[in-house]
Amino acid sequence: MGILTFNIGRYHRRMAVWAKSLFHRDVVVDVGCWQAWADANAGFFAPLAQGVCVALVGDPADYGAAVLSKNPGGIRVEKSSFFSRRKCAIYFVMDAPTATTILSVRVDQGNPFWDTWKRLARSGALQVYTFGSPGELQTNGVATFLRSFDVRPVHK
């Protein structure tokens, strides 16, 4: 009986965290902000193949993420949960100030845009994780995308 009670308790805790992730209002997972940013920076995603998705994660303990998916009509942003079992090729983990900094730059600004991404990645404020074999990352354009701001894929 003790094991059953423990498992039910863990299930309820996970459900509470998942429900919280659906209503979390942090800028890192704000779909409206990221959709406007993605629309203004469509060229940034040019190296990525159709169907590749990128997750923007604020607090991993919240299980929430904004997921940017490249499709023929452009970039589509939606809110997701780690429980959705959606596998993204890239995960950007950041705090709210880092997200605000990224949202403030545009690709048409040229060097300031690229310098901001490089600075955040090198300082560790923007953590970058990739999932897939090196061959998959080459084929789907992830390796080229990350090299555009001097990030080498970390394979998980």
Protein backbone atom coordinates (compact mmCIF):
# COMPACT_ATOMS: atom_id res chain seq x y z
CA MET A 1 0.00 0.00 0.00
CA GLY A 2 2.89 2.36 0.77
CA ILE A 3 4.32 2.00 -2.75
CA LEU A 4 0.93 2.66 -4.34
CA THR A 5 0.43 5.78 -2.22
CA PHE A 6 3.91 7.05 -3.14
CA ASN A 7 3.33 6.56 -6.86
CA ILE A 8 -0.05 8.30 -6.73
CA GLY A 9 1.52 11.19 -4.83
CA ARG A 10 4.26 11.53 -7.45
CA TYR A 11 1.66 11.40 -10.23
CA HIS A 12 -0.31 14.24 -8.60
CA ARG A 13 2.84 16.34 -8.20
CA ARG A 14 3.72 15.85 -11.87
CA MET A 15 0.18 16.73 -12.94
CA ALA A 16 0.31 19.91 -10.82
CA VAL A 17 3.61 20.95 -12.42
CA TRP A 18 2.28 20.14 -15.90
CA ALA A 19 -0.89 22.18 -15.29
CA LYS A 20 1.24 25.08 -14.03
CA SER A 21 3.31 24.91 -17.23
CA LEU A 22 0.20 25.44 -19.34
CA PHE A 23 -0.62 28.72 -17.62
CA HIS A 24 2.92 29.97 -16.95
CA ARG A 25 3.28 33.59 -18.17
CA ASP A 26 7.06 33.97 -18.17
CA VAL A 27 8.49 35.86 -21.16
CA VAL A 28 10.56 32.80 -22.06
CA VAL A 29 7.41 30.88 -22.95
CA ASP A 30 5.27 33.82 -24.14
CA VAL A 31 3.99 32.62 -27.51
CA GLY A 32 2.87 36.07 -28.70
CA CYS A 33 6.26 37.68 -28.10
CA TRP A 34 8.16 34.86 -29.77
CA GLN A 35 5.78 34.70 -32.76
CA ALA A 36 6.28 38.41 -33.44
CA TRP A 37 10.04 38.00 -33.02
CA ALA A 38 10.15 34.92 -35.30
CA ASP A 39 8.13 36.73 -37.99
CA ALA A 40 10.54 39.68 -37.87
CA ASN A 41 13.59 37.37 -37.97
CA ALA A 42 12.55 34.75 -40.52
CA GLY A 43 16.00 34.85 -42.15
CA PHE A 44 17.57 33.66 -38.89
CA PHE A 45 15.88 30.29 -39.38
CA ALA A 46 16.83 29.89 -43.07
CA PRO A 47 19.41 27.10 -42.50
CA LEU A 48 16.86 24.87 -40.76
CA ALA A 49 15.02 22.22 -42.77
CA GLN A 50 11.22 22.12 -42.89
CA GLY A 51 9.73 20.48 -39.83
CA VAL A 52 12.64 21.20 -37.49
CA CYS A 53 11.54 22.57 -34.16
CA VAL A 54 13.37 24.62 -31.55
CA ALA A 55 12.29 24.68 -27.89
CA LEU A 56 12.75 27.75 -25.71
CA VAL A 57 12.83 26.68 -22.08
CA GLY A 58 12.77 28.99 -19.08
CA ASP A 59 12.72 27.05 -15.85
CA PRO A 60 13.10 23.33 -16.61
CA ALA A 61 11.31 22.57 -13.32
CA ASP A 62 8.13 24.11 -14.78
CA TYR A 63 8.14 21.73 -17.76
CA GLY A 64 6.95 24.55 -20.03
CA ALA A 65 8.42 25.62 -23.34
CA ALA A 66 7.69 27.75 -26.37
CA VAL A 67 8.29 25.64 -29.46
CA LEU A 68 9.21 27.25 -32.78
CA SER A 69 8.54 24.97 -35.76
CA LYS A 70 9.69 25.71 -39.28
CA ASN A 71 7.06 24.99 -41.91
CA PRO A 72 6.39 26.18 -45.48
CA GLY A 73 4.44 29.19 -44.21
CA GLY A 74 7.24 30.37 -41.93
CA ILE A 75 7.86 29.84 -38.24
CA ARG A 76 4.96 28.75 -36.06
CA VAL A 77 5.24 29.23 -32.30
CA GLU A 78 3.19 27.27 -29.81
CA LYS A 79 3.29 26.57 -26.11
CA SER A 80 4.19 23.04 -25.19
CA SER A 81 5.11 20.87 -22.26
CA PHE A 82 7.94 18.43 -21.83
CA PHE A 83 5.20 15.85 -21.21
CA SER A 84 4.02 16.28 -24.81
CA ARG A 85 6.85 13.97 -25.91
CA ARG A 86 7.64 16.31 -28.77
CA LYS A 87 11.26 15.92 -29.73
CA CYS A 88 12.95 19.14 -30.76
CA ALA A 89 16.33 19.30 -32.47
CA ILE A 90 17.47 22.28 -30.39
CA TYR A 91 16.68 23.35 -26.84
CA PHE A 92 17.59 26.88 -25.77
CA VAL A 93 17.49 27.18 -21.98
CA MET A 94 17.46 30.74 -20.66
CA ASP A 95 16.17 32.98 -17.91
CA ALA A 96 13.76 35.89 -18.39
CA PRO A 97 16.45 38.63 -18.74
CA THR A 98 18.18 36.60 -21.47
CA ALA A 99 14.87 36.10 -23.30
CA THR A 100 14.18 39.83 -23.07
CA THR A 101 17.62 40.58 -24.53
CA ILE A 102 17.03 38.19 -27.45
CA LEU A 103 13.58 39.63 -28.09
CA SER A 104 15.10 43.12 -28.31
CA VAL A 105 17.39 42.39 -31.28
CA ARG A 106 16.48 41.87 -34.94
CA VAL A 107 18.42 40.06 -37.64
CA ASP A 108 18.22 43.14 -39.90
CA GLN A 109 20.40 44.98 -37.37
CA GLY A 110 23.35 42.94 -38.62
CA ASN A 111 26.31 42.53 -36.30
CA PRO A 112 24.52 43.57 -33.06
CA PHE A 113 22.07 40.70 -33.59
CA TRP A 114 24.80 38.09 -34.12
CA ASP A 115 27.02 39.54 -31.41
CA THR A 116 24.17 39.32 -28.90
CA TRP A 117 23.58 35.63 -29.66
CA LYS A 118 27.31 34.88 -29.48
CA ARG A 119 27.76 36.77 -26.21
CA LEU A 120 24.80 35.04 -24.54
CA ALA A 121 25.90 31.58 -25.69
CA ARG A 122 29.53 32.09 -24.67
CA SER A 123 28.64 33.50 -21.25
CA GLY A 124 26.33 30.57 -20.47
CA ALA A 125 23.26 32.79 -20.15
CA LEU A 126 21.90 30.91 -23.17
CA GLN A 127 22.43 27.18 -22.86
CA VAL A 128 22.14 25.26 -26.12
CA TYR A 129 21.37 21.55 -26.32
CA THR A 130 20.84 19.47 -29.44
CA PHE A 131 19.28 16.08 -29.90
CA GLY A 132 20.14 13.86 -32.83
CA SER A 133 23.18 12.24 -34.35
CA PRO A 134 25.84 14.43 -35.97
CA GLY A 135 24.56 13.24 -39.36
CA GLU A 136 20.98 14.24 -38.52
CA LEU A 137 22.13 17.65 -37.31
CA GLN A 138 23.92 18.22 -40.63
CA THR A 139 21.00 16.98 -42.71
CA ASN A 140 18.33 19.06 -40.98
CA GLY A 141 20.45 22.23 -40.98
CA VAL A 142 20.90 22.44 -37.21
CA ALA A 143 24.71 22.39 -37.34
CA THR A 144 24.78 25.23 -39.89
CA PHE A 145 22.18 27.18 -37.90
CA LEU A 146 24.23 26.92 -34.69
CA ARG A 147 27.50 27.77 -36.43
CA SER A 148 25.91 31.04 -37.56
CA PHE A 149 26.43 32.30 -34.01
CA ASP A 150 29.50 30.19 -33.16
CA VAL A 151 27.84 27.42 -31.17
CA ARG A 152 29.01 23.85 -31.49
CA PRO A 153 26.29 21.24 -30.94
CA VAL A 154 26.26 19.46 -27.60
CA HIS A 155 24.97 15.98 -28.38
CA LYS A 156 22.52 14.41 -25.94
